[in-house]
Each structure stands twice: as C-alpha cells, then as structure tokens.
Amino acid sequence: ELVINQELAQRLREAVNRLPPRQRTVLSLRYGLSSDRDCSFR
C-alpha cells in the first residue's frame, strides 16, 4: 500500500502541474496540496 500510495501521489502531482496556473492554485488551496489545511471557496 505504501508503494501504491506513493505512485498515485506522484501521478497526481504531475497531472496538477499541467493545469493552468489559476486552476492549479485553486486545487492546491482547496485540497491542501501546498499546505496542511483545506480552504473554503470564500
């Protein structure tokens, strides 16, 4: 499970990096990809 989770996390980062900057920032803030907490749309 550790190997599978690490592979999924790597593929997710690659897919998010291919998004436009504003959409990438919204996803990172919404799901806490760049920080330790999630943010609301407000």
ModelCIF file with pLDDT and N, C-alpha, C, O atoms, coordinates in Angstrom:
data_MODEL
#
_entry.id   MODEL 
#
_entity.id                         1 
_entity.type                       polymer 
_entity.pdbx_number_of_molecules   1 
#
_entity_poly.entity_id                      1 
_entity_poly.type                           'polypeptide(L)' 
_entity_poly.nstd_linkage                   no 
_entity_poly.nstd_monomer                   no 
_entity_poly.pdbx_seq_one_letter_code       ELVINQELAQRLREAVNRLPPRQRTVLSLRYGLSSDRDCSFR 
_entity_poly.pdbx_seq_one_letter_code_can   ELVINQELAQRLREAVNRLPPRQRTVLSLRYGLSSDRDCSFR 
_entity_poly.pdbx_strand_id                 A 
#
loop_
_entity_poly_seq.entity_id 
_entity_poly_seq.num 
_entity_poly_seq.mon_id 
_entity_poly_seq.hetero 
1 1  GLU n 
1 2  LEU n 
1 3  VAL n 
1 4  ILE n 
1 5  ASN n 
1 6  GLN n 
1 7  GLU n 
1 8  LEU n 
1 9  ALA n 
1 10 GLN n 
1 11 ARG n 
1 12 LEU n 
1 13 ARG n 
1 14 GLU n 
1 15 ALA n 
1 16 VAL n 
1 17 ASN n 
1 18 ARG n 
1 19 LEU n 
1 20 PRO n 
1 21 PRO n 
1 22 ARG n 
1 23 GLN n 
1 24 ARG n 
1 25 THR n 
1 26 VAL n 
1 27 LEU n 
1 28 SER n 
1 29 LEU n 
1 30 ARG n 
1 31 TYR n 
1 32 GLY n 
1 33 LEU n 
1 34 SER n 
1 35 SER n 
1 36 ASP n 
1 37 ARG n 
1 38 ASP n 
1 39 CYS n 
1 40 SER n 
1 41 PHE n 
1 42 ARG n 
#
_struct_asym.id          A 
_struct_asym.entity_id   1 
#
loop_
_ma_qa_metric.id 
_ma_qa_metric.mode 
_ma_qa_metric.name 
_ma_qa_metric.software_group_id 
_ma_qa_metric.type 
1 global pLDDT . pLDDT 
2 local  pLDDT . pLDDT 
#
_ma_qa_metric_global.metric_id      1 
_ma_qa_metric_global.metric_value   83.83 
_ma_qa_metric_global.model_id       1 
_ma_qa_metric_global.ordinal_id     1 
#
loop_
_ma_qa_metric_local.label_asym_id 
_ma_qa_metric_local.label_comp_id 
_ma_qa_metric_local.label_seq_id 
_ma_qa_metric_local.metric_id 
_ma_qa_metric_local.metric_value 
_ma_qa_metric_local.model_id 
_ma_qa_metric_local.ordinal_id 
A GLU 1  2 76.00 1 1  
A LEU 2  2 77.00 1 2  
A VAL 3  2 82.00 1 3  
A ILE 4  2 84.00 1 4  
A ASN 5  2 82.00 1 5  
A GLN 6  2 84.00 1 6  
A GLU 7  2 86.00 1 7  
A LEU 8  2 85.00 1 8  
A ALA 9  2 83.00 1 9  
A GLN 10 2 85.00 1 10 
A ARG 11 2 85.00 1 11 
A LEU 12 2 83.00 1 12 
A ARG 13 2 83.00 1 13 
A GLU 14 2 85.00 1 14 
A ALA 15 2 86.00 1 15 
A VAL 16 2 85.00 1 16 
A ASN 17 2 86.00 1 17 
A ARG 18 2 87.00 1 18 
A LEU 19 2 88.00 1 19 
A PRO 20 2 89.00 1 20 
A PRO 21 2 88.00 1 21 
A ARG 22 2 88.00 1 22 
A GLN 23 2 88.00 1 23 
A ARG 24 2 87.00 1 24 
A THR 25 2 88.00 1 25 
A VAL 26 2 89.00 1 26 
A LEU 27 2 87.00 1 27 
A SER 28 2 86.00 1 28 
A LEU 29 2 86.00 1 29 
A ARG 30 2 86.00 1 30 
A TYR 31 2 84.00 1 31 
A GLY 32 2 81.00 1 32 
A LEU 33 2 79.00 1 33 
A SER 34 2 74.00 1 34 
A SER 35 2 72.00 1 35 
A ASP 36 2 70.00 1 36 
A ARG 37 2 77.00 1 37 
A ASP 38 2 82.00 1 38 
A CYS 39 2 85.00 1 39 
A SER 40 2 87.00 1 40 
A PHE 41 2 88.00 1 41 
A ARG 42 2 88.00 1 42 
#
loop_
_atom_site.group_PDB 
_atom_site.id 
_atom_site.type_symbol 
_atom_site.label_atom_id 
_atom_site.label_alt_id 
_atom_site.label_comp_id 
_atom_site.label_asym_id 
_atom_site.label_entity_id 
_atom_site.label_seq_id 
_atom_site.pdbx_PDB_ins_code 
_atom_site.Cartn_x 
_atom_site.Cartn_y 
_atom_site.Cartn_z 
_atom_site.occupancy 
_atom_site.B_iso_or_equiv 
_atom_site.pdbx_formal_charge 
_atom_site.auth_seq_id 
_atom_site.auth_comp_id 
_atom_site.auth_asym_id 
_atom_site.auth_atom_id 
_atom_site.pdbx_PDB_model_num 
ATOM 1   N N  . GLU A 1 1  ? 0.820   -1.207 0.000   1.00 76.00 ? 1  GLU A N  1 
ATOM 2   C CA . GLU A 1 1  ? 0.000   0.000  0.000   1.00 76.00 ? 1  GLU A CA 1 
ATOM 3   C C  . GLU A 1 1  ? 0.853   1.256  0.000   1.00 76.00 ? 1  GLU A C  1 
ATOM 4   O O  . GLU A 1 1  ? 0.499   2.252  -0.632  1.00 76.00 ? 1  GLU A O  1 
ATOM 5   N N  . LEU A 1 2  ? 1.976   1.214  0.706   1.00 77.00 ? 2  LEU A N  1 
ATOM 6   C CA . LEU A 1 2  ? 2.854   2.386  0.705   1.00 77.00 ? 2  LEU A CA 1 
ATOM 7   C C  . LEU A 1 2  ? 3.378   2.678  -0.696  1.00 77.00 ? 2  LEU A C  1 
ATOM 8   O O  . LEU A 1 2  ? 3.431   3.838  -1.104  1.00 77.00 ? 2  LEU A O  1 
ATOM 9   N N  . VAL A 1 3  ? 3.760   1.655  -1.428  1.00 82.00 ? 3  VAL A N  1 
ATOM 10  C CA . VAL A 1 3  ? 4.276   1.852  -2.794  1.00 82.00 ? 3  VAL A CA 1 
ATOM 11  C C  . VAL A 1 3  ? 3.184   2.383  -3.706  1.00 82.00 ? 3  VAL A C  1 
ATOM 12  O O  . VAL A 1 3  ? 3.427   3.294  -4.497  1.00 82.00 ? 3  VAL A O  1 
ATOM 13  N N  . ILE A 1 4  ? 1.967   1.817  -3.602  1.00 84.00 ? 4  ILE A N  1 
ATOM 14  C CA . ILE A 1 4  ? 0.855   2.268  -4.448  1.00 84.00 ? 4  ILE A CA 1 
ATOM 15  C C  . ILE A 1 4  ? 0.494   3.720  -4.154  1.00 84.00 ? 4  ILE A C  1 
ATOM 16  O O  . ILE A 1 4  ? 0.260   4.505  -5.072  1.00 84.00 ? 4  ILE A O  1 
ATOM 17  N N  . ASN A 1 5  ? 0.451   4.073  -2.867  1.00 82.00 ? 5  ASN A N  1 
ATOM 18  C CA . ASN A 1 5  ? 0.108   5.451  -2.498  1.00 82.00 ? 5  ASN A CA 1 
ATOM 19  C C  . ASN A 1 5  ? 1.166   6.435  -2.983  1.00 82.00 ? 5  ASN A C  1 
ATOM 20  O O  . ASN A 1 5  ? 0.834   7.532  -3.432  1.00 82.00 ? 5  ASN A O  1 
ATOM 21  N N  . GLN A 1 6  ? 2.433   6.052  -2.895  1.00 84.00 ? 6  GLN A N  1 
ATOM 22  C CA . GLN A 1 6  ? 3.475   6.941  -3.390  1.00 84.00 ? 6  GLN A CA 1 
ATOM 23  C C  . GLN A 1 6  ? 3.386   7.131  -4.895  1.00 84.00 ? 6  GLN A C  1 
ATOM 24  O O  . GLN A 1 6  ? 3.622   8.231  -5.395  1.00 84.00 ? 6  GLN A O  1 
ATOM 25  N N  . GLU A 1 7  ? 3.050   6.072  -5.623  1.00 86.00 ? 7  GLU A N  1 
ATOM 26  C CA . GLU A 1 7  ? 2.911   6.191  -7.083  1.00 86.00 ? 7  GLU A CA 1 
ATOM 27  C C  . GLU A 1 7  ? 1.715   7.064  -7.448  1.00 86.00 ? 7  GLU A C  1 
ATOM 28  O O  . GLU A 1 7  ? 1.799   7.877  -8.369  1.00 86.00 ? 7  GLU A O  1 
ATOM 29  N N  . LEU A 1 8  ? 0.602   6.904  -6.733  1.00 85.00 ? 8  LEU A N  1 
ATOM 30  C CA . LEU A 1 8  ? -0.569  7.741  -7.009  1.00 85.00 ? 8  LEU A CA 1 
ATOM 31  C C  . LEU A 1 8  ? -0.293  9.216  -6.704  1.00 85.00 ? 8  LEU A C  1 
ATOM 32  O O  . LEU A 1 8  ? -0.721  10.097 -7.449  1.00 85.00 ? 8  LEU A O  1 
ATOM 33  N N  . ALA A 1 9  ? 0.414   9.479  -5.620  1.00 83.00 ? 9  ALA A N  1 
ATOM 34  C CA . ALA A 1 9  ? 0.740   10.862 -5.283  1.00 83.00 ? 9  ALA A CA 1 
ATOM 35  C C  . ALA A 1 9  ? 1.634   11.490 -6.344  1.00 83.00 ? 9  ALA A C  1 
ATOM 36  O O  . ALA A 1 9  ? 1.464   12.663 -6.677  1.00 83.00 ? 9  ALA A O  1 
ATOM 37  N N  . GLN A 1 10 ? 2.571   10.735 -6.874  1.00 85.00 ? 10 GLN A N  1 
ATOM 38  C CA . GLN A 1 10 ? 3.437   11.266 -7.912  1.00 85.00 ? 10 GLN A CA 1 
ATOM 39  C C  . GLN A 1 10 ? 2.662   11.565 -9.191  1.00 85.00 ? 10 GLN A C  1 
ATOM 40  O O  . GLN A 1 10 ? 2.885   12.602 -9.815  1.00 85.00 ? 10 GLN A O  1 
ATOM 41  N N  . ARG A 1 11 ? 1.762   10.680 -9.587  1.00 85.00 ? 11 ARG A N  1 
ATOM 42  C CA . ARG A 1 11 ? 0.946   10.913 -10.793 1.00 85.00 ? 11 ARG A CA 1 
ATOM 43  C C  . ARG A 1 11 ? -0.001  12.084 -10.595 1.00 85.00 ? 11 ARG A C  1 
ATOM 44  O O  . ARG A 1 11 ? -0.255  12.838 -11.534 1.00 85.00 ? 11 ARG A O  1 
ATOM 45  N N  . LEU A 1 12 ? -0.529  12.248 -9.378  1.00 83.00 ? 12 LEU A N  1 
ATOM 46  C CA . LEU A 1 12 ? -1.417  13.372 -9.114  1.00 83.00 ? 12 LEU A CA 1 
ATOM 47  C C  . LEU A 1 12 ? -0.666  14.696 -9.215  1.00 83.00 ? 12 LEU A C  1 
ATOM 48  O O  . LEU A 1 12 ? -1.189  15.660 -9.775  1.00 83.00 ? 12 LEU A O  1 
ATOM 49  N N  . ARG A 1 13 ? 0.543   14.754 -8.686  1.00 83.00 ? 13 ARG A N  1 
ATOM 50  C CA . ARG A 1 13 ? 1.323   15.997 -8.791  1.00 83.00 ? 13 ARG A CA 1 
ATOM 51  C C  . ARG A 1 13 ? 1.634   16.340 -10.241 1.00 83.00 ? 13 ARG A C  1 
ATOM 52  O O  . ARG A 1 13 ? 1.592   17.508 -10.628 1.00 83.00 ? 13 ARG A O  1 
ATOM 53  N N  . GLU A 1 14 ? 1.944   15.339 -11.033 1.00 85.00 ? 14 GLU A N  1 
ATOM 54  C CA . GLU A 1 14 ? 2.233   15.602 -12.453 1.00 85.00 ? 14 GLU A CA 1 
ATOM 55  C C  . GLU A 1 14 ? 0.999   16.108 -13.184 1.00 85.00 ? 14 GLU A C  1 
ATOM 56  O O  . GLU A 1 14 ? 1.091   17.009 -14.017 1.00 85.00 ? 14 GLU A O  1 
ATOM 57  N N  . ALA A 1 15 ? -0.160  15.527 -12.869 1.00 86.00 ? 15 ALA A N  1 
ATOM 58  C CA . ALA A 1 15 ? -1.384  15.980 -13.536 1.00 86.00 ? 15 ALA A CA 1 
ATOM 59  C C  . ALA A 1 15 ? -1.769  17.392 -13.115 1.00 86.00 ? 15 ALA A C  1 
ATOM 60  O O  . ALA A 1 15 ? -2.203  18.178 -13.956 1.00 86.00 ? 15 ALA A O  1 
ATOM 61  N N  . VAL A 1 16 ? -1.623  17.738 -11.838 1.00 85.00 ? 16 VAL A N  1 
ATOM 62  C CA . VAL A 1 16 ? -1.966  19.087 -11.373 1.00 85.00 ? 16 VAL A CA 1 
ATOM 63  C C  . VAL A 1 16 ? -1.015  20.113 -11.959 1.00 85.00 ? 16 VAL A C  1 
ATOM 64  O O  . VAL A 1 16 ? -1.434  21.229 -12.266 1.00 85.00 ? 16 VAL A O  1 
ATOM 65  N N  . ASN A 1 17 ? 0.247   19.769 -12.122 1.00 86.00 ? 17 ASN A N  1 
ATOM 66  C CA . ASN A 1 17 ? 1.211   20.725 -12.674 1.00 86.00 ? 17 ASN A CA 1 
ATOM 67  C C  . ASN A 1 17 ? 0.923   21.058 -14.132 1.00 86.00 ? 17 ASN A C  1 
ATOM 68  O O  . ASN A 1 17 ? 1.389   22.091 -14.614 1.00 86.00 ? 17 ASN A O  1 
ATOM 69  N N  . ARG A 1 18 ? 0.172   20.226 -14.854 1.00 87.00 ? 18 ARG A N  1 
ATOM 70  C CA . ARG A 1 18 ? -0.169  20.503 -16.254 1.00 87.00 ? 18 ARG A CA 1 
ATOM 71  C C  . ARG A 1 18 ? -1.392  21.406 -16.406 1.00 87.00 ? 18 ARG A C  1 
ATOM 72  O O  . ARG A 1 18 ? -1.714  21.815 -17.522 1.00 87.00 ? 18 ARG A O  1 
ATOM 73  N N  . LEU A 1 19 ? -2.081  21.724 -15.305 1.00 88.00 ? 19 LEU A N  1 
ATOM 74  C CA . LEU A 1 19 ? -3.240  22.607 -15.348 1.00 88.00 ? 19 LEU A CA 1 
ATOM 75  C C  . LEU A 1 19 ? -2.809  24.063 -15.479 1.00 88.00 ? 19 LEU A C  1 
ATOM 76  O O  . LEU A 1 19 ? -1.661  24.397 -15.187 1.00 88.00 ? 19 LEU A O  1 
ATOM 77  N N  . PRO A 1 20 ? -3.732  24.942 -15.921 1.00 89.00 ? 20 PRO A N  1 
ATOM 78  C CA . PRO A 1 20 ? -3.434  26.389 -15.934 1.00 89.00 ? 20 PRO A CA 1 
ATOM 79  C C  . PRO A 1 20 ? -3.134  26.884 -14.528 1.00 89.00 ? 20 PRO A C  1 
ATOM 80  O O  . PRO A 1 20 ? -3.562  26.268 -13.551 1.00 89.00 ? 20 PRO A O  1 
ATOM 81  N N  . PRO A 1 21 ? -2.407  27.986 -14.413 1.00 88.00 ? 21 PRO A N  1 
ATOM 82  C CA . PRO A 1 21 ? -1.971  28.452 -13.093 1.00 88.00 ? 21 PRO A CA 1 
ATOM 83  C C  . PRO A 1 21 ? -3.114  28.701 -12.122 1.00 88.00 ? 21 PRO A C  1 
ATOM 84  O O  . PRO A 1 21 ? -3.025  28.291 -10.965 1.00 88.00 ? 21 PRO A O  1 
ATOM 85  N N  . ARG A 1 22 ? -4.211  29.375 -12.561 1.00 88.00 ? 22 ARG A N  1 
ATOM 86  C CA . ARG A 1 22 ? -5.276  29.703 -11.624 1.00 88.00 ? 22 ARG A CA 1 
ATOM 87  C C  . ARG A 1 22 ? -6.005  28.439 -11.151 1.00 88.00 ? 22 ARG A C  1 
ATOM 88  O O  . ARG A 1 22 ? -6.340  28.323 -9.972  1.00 88.00 ? 22 ARG A O  1 
ATOM 89  N N  . GLN A 1 23 ? -6.252  27.490 -12.068 1.00 88.00 ? 23 GLN A N  1 
ATOM 90  C CA . GLN A 1 23 ? -6.917  26.247 -11.664 1.00 88.00 ? 23 GLN A CA 1 
ATOM 91  C C  . GLN A 1 23 ? -6.003  25.410 -10.748 1.00 88.00 ? 23 GLN A C  1 
ATOM 92  O O  . GLN A 1 23 ? -6.461  24.765 -9.805  1.00 88.00 ? 23 GLN A O  1 
ATOM 93  N N  . ARG A 1 24 ? -4.715  25.442 -11.055 1.00 87.00 ? 24 ARG A N  1 
ATOM 94  C CA . ARG A 1 24 ? -3.773  24.693 -10.206 1.00 87.00 ? 24 ARG A CA 1 
ATOM 95  C C  . ARG A 1 24 ? -3.745  25.284 -8.794  1.00 87.00 ? 24 ARG A C  1 
ATOM 96  O O  . ARG A 1 24 ? -3.677  24.544 -7.813  1.00 87.00 ? 24 ARG A O  1 
ATOM 97  N N  . THR A 1 25 ? -3.797  26.600 -8.692  1.00 88.00 ? 25 THR A N  1 
ATOM 98  C CA . THR A 1 25 ? -3.790  27.248 -7.377  1.00 88.00 ? 25 THR A CA 1 
ATOM 99  C C  . THR A 1 25 ? -5.071  26.949 -6.608  1.00 88.00 ? 25 THR A C  1 
ATOM 100 O O  . THR A 1 25 ? -5.036  26.727 -5.398  1.00 88.00 ? 25 THR A O  1 
ATOM 101 N N  . VAL A 1 26 ? -6.217  26.945 -7.320  1.00 89.00 ? 26 VAL A N  1 
ATOM 102 C CA . VAL A 1 26 ? -7.485  26.658 -6.651  1.00 89.00 ? 26 VAL A CA 1 
ATOM 103 C C  . VAL A 1 26 ? -7.487  25.229 -6.090  1.00 89.00 ? 26 VAL A C  1 
ATOM 104 O O  . VAL A 1 26 ? -7.905  25.023 -4.950  1.00 89.00 ? 26 VAL A O  1 
ATOM 105 N N  . LEU A 1 27 ? -7.038  24.260 -6.855  1.00 87.00 ? 27 LEU A N  1 
ATOM 106 C CA . LEU A 1 27 ? -6.996  22.885 -6.376  1.00 87.00 ? 27 LEU A CA 1 
ATOM 107 C C  . LEU A 1 27 ? -6.030  22.714 -5.198  1.00 87.00 ? 27 LEU A C  1 
ATOM 108 O O  . LEU A 1 27 ? -6.313  21.989 -4.244  1.00 87.00 ? 27 LEU A O  1 
ATOM 109 N N  . SER A 1 28 ? -4.892  23.395 -5.288  1.00 86.00 ? 28 SER A N  1 
ATOM 110 C CA . SER A 1 28 ? -3.908  23.272 -4.208  1.00 86.00 ? 28 SER A CA 1 
ATOM 111 C C  . SER A 1 28 ? -4.451  23.830 -2.903  1.00 86.00 ? 28 SER A C  1 
ATOM 112 O O  . SER A 1 28 ? -4.237  23.254 -1.836  1.00 86.00 ? 28 SER A O  1 
ATOM 113 N N  . LEU A 1 29 ? -5.168  24.975 -2.993  1.00 86.00 ? 29 LEU A N  1 
ATOM 114 C CA . LEU A 1 29 ? -5.733  25.552 -1.783  1.00 86.00 ? 29 LEU A CA 1 
ATOM 115 C C  . LEU A 1 29 ? -6.934  24.765 -1.291  1.00 86.00 ? 29 LEU A C  1 
ATOM 116 O O  . LEU A 1 29 ? -7.126  24.625 -0.084  1.00 86.00 ? 29 LEU A O  1 
ATOM 117 N N  . ARG A 1 30 ? -7.746  24.249 -2.205  1.00 86.00 ? 30 ARG A N  1 
ATOM 118 C CA . ARG A 1 30 ? -8.957  23.548 -1.813  1.00 86.00 ? 30 ARG A CA 1 
ATOM 119 C C  . ARG A 1 30 ? -8.658  22.240 -1.085  1.00 86.00 ? 30 ARG A C  1 
ATOM 120 O O  . ARG A 1 30 ? -9.317  21.924 -0.095  1.00 86.00 ? 30 ARG A O  1 
ATOM 121 N N  . TYR A 1 31 ? -7.658  21.461 -1.567  1.00 84.00 ? 31 TYR A N  1 
ATOM 122 C CA . TYR A 1 31 ? -7.356  20.154 -1.006  1.00 84.00 ? 31 TYR A CA 1 
ATOM 123 C C  . TYR A 1 31 ? -6.074  20.122 -0.185  1.00 84.00 ? 31 TYR A C  1 
ATOM 124 O O  . TYR A 1 31 ? -5.604  19.050 0.196   1.00 84.00 ? 31 TYR A O  1 
ATOM 125 N N  . GLY A 1 32 ? -5.511  21.287 0.087   1.00 81.00 ? 32 GLY A N  1 
ATOM 126 C CA . GLY A 1 32 ? -4.327  21.332 0.932   1.00 81.00 ? 32 GLY A CA 1 
ATOM 127 C C  . GLY A 1 32 ? -3.103  20.688 0.326   1.00 81.00 ? 32 GLY A C  1 
ATOM 128 O O  . GLY A 1 32 ? -2.289  20.110 1.047   1.00 81.00 ? 32 GLY A O  1 
ATOM 129 N N  . LEU A 1 33 ? -2.951  20.778 -1.007  1.00 79.00 ? 33 LEU A N  1 
ATOM 130 C CA . LEU A 1 33 ? -1.789  20.167 -1.645  1.00 79.00 ? 33 LEU A CA 1 
ATOM 131 C C  . LEU A 1 33 ? -0.511  20.940 -1.366  1.00 79.00 ? 33 LEU A C  1 
ATOM 132 O O  . LEU A 1 33 ? 0.583   20.376 -1.396  1.00 79.00 ? 33 LEU A O  1 
ATOM 133 N N  . SER A 1 34 ? -0.650  22.235 -1.094  1.00 74.00 ? 34 SER A N  1 
ATOM 134 C CA . SER A 1 34 ? 0.526   23.057 -0.837  1.00 74.00 ? 34 SER A CA 1 
ATOM 135 C C  . SER A 1 34 ? 0.626   23.489 0.626   1.00 74.00 ? 34 SER A C  1 
ATOM 136 O O  . SER A 1 34 ? 1.565   24.193 0.998   1.00 74.00 ? 34 SER A O  1 
ATOM 137 N N  . SER A 1 35 ? -0.326  23.079 1.455   1.00 72.00 ? 35 SER A N  1 
ATOM 138 C CA . SER A 1 35 ? -0.327  23.434 2.874   1.00 72.00 ? 35 SER A CA 1 
ATOM 139 C C  . SER A 1 35 ? -0.935  22.282 3.667   1.00 72.00 ? 35 SER A C  1 
ATOM 140 O O  . SER A 1 35 ? -1.320  21.261 3.097   1.00 72.00 ? 35 SER A O  1 
ATOM 141 N N  . ASP A 1 36 ? -1.017  22.449 4.960   1.00 70.00 ? 36 ASP A N  1 
ATOM 142 C CA . ASP A 1 36 ? -1.513  21.384 5.829   1.00 70.00 ? 36 ASP A CA 1 
ATOM 143 C C  . ASP A 1 36 ? -3.011  21.462 6.068   1.00 70.00 ? 36 ASP A C  1 
ATOM 144 O O  . ASP A 1 36 ? -3.548  20.602 6.766   1.00 70.00 ? 36 ASP A O  1 
ATOM 145 N N  . ARG A 1 37 ? -3.717  22.456 5.521   1.00 77.00 ? 37 ARG A N  1 
ATOM 146 C CA . ARG A 1 37 ? -5.152  22.573 5.780   1.00 77.00 ? 37 ARG A CA 1 
ATOM 147 C C  . ARG A 1 37 ? -5.885  22.946 4.497   1.00 77.00 ? 37 ARG A C  1 
ATOM 148 O O  . ARG A 1 37 ? -5.344  23.579 3.590   1.00 77.00 ? 37 ARG A O  1 
ATOM 149 N N  . ASP A 1 38 ? -7.158  22.516 4.469   1.00 82.00 ? 38 ASP A N  1 
ATOM 150 C CA . ASP A 1 38 ? -8.005  22.830 3.315   1.00 82.00 ? 38 ASP A CA 1 
ATOM 151 C C  . ASP A 1 38 ? -8.614  24.221 3.482   1.00 82.00 ? 38 ASP A C  1 
ATOM 152 O O  . ASP A 1 38 ? -8.782  24.713 4.598   1.00 82.00 ? 38 ASP A O  1 
ATOM 153 N N  . CYS A 1 39 ? -8.936  24.835 2.362   1.00 85.00 ? 39 CYS A N  1 
ATOM 154 C CA . CYS A 1 39 ? -9.535  26.175 2.372   1.00 85.00 ? 39 CYS A CA 1 
ATOM 155 C C  . CYS A 1 39 ? -10.911 26.126 1.714   1.00 85.00 ? 39 CYS A C  1 
ATOM 156 O O  . CYS A 1 39 ? -11.132 25.367 0.770   1.00 85.00 ? 39 CYS A O  1 
ATOM 157 N N  . SER A 1 40 ? -11.822 26.934 2.213   1.00 87.00 ? 40 SER A N  1 
ATOM 158 C CA . SER A 1 40 ? -13.152 27.042 1.611   1.00 87.00 ? 40 SER A CA 1 
ATOM 159 C C  . SER A 1 40 ? -13.084 27.933 0.376   1.00 87.00 ? 40 SER A C  1 
ATOM 160 O O  . SER A 1 40 ? -12.098 28.631 0.141   1.00 87.00 ? 40 SER A O  1 
ATOM 161 N N  . PHE A 1 41 ? -14.164 27.888 -0.406  1.00 88.00 ? 41 PHE A N  1 
ATOM 162 C CA . PHE A 1 41 ? -14.190 28.719 -1.622  1.00 88.00 ? 41 PHE A CA 1 
ATOM 163 C C  . PHE A 1 41 ? -14.172 30.210 -1.280  1.00 88.00 ? 41 PHE A C  1 
ATOM 164 O O  . PHE A 1 41 ? -13.642 31.002 -2.059  1.00 88.00 ? 41 PHE A O  1 
ATOM 165 N N  . ARG A 1 42 ? -14.726 30.607 -0.155  1.00 88.00 ? 42 ARG A N  1 
ATOM 166 C CA . ARG A 1 42 ? -14.702 32.017 0.234   1.00 88.00 ? 42 ARG A CA 1 
ATOM 167 C C  . ARG A 1 42 ? -13.273 32.479 0.495   1.00 88.00 ? 42 ARG A C  1 
ATOM 168 O O  . ARG A 1 42 ? -13.052 33.642 0.834   1.00 88.00 ? 42 ARG A O  1 
#
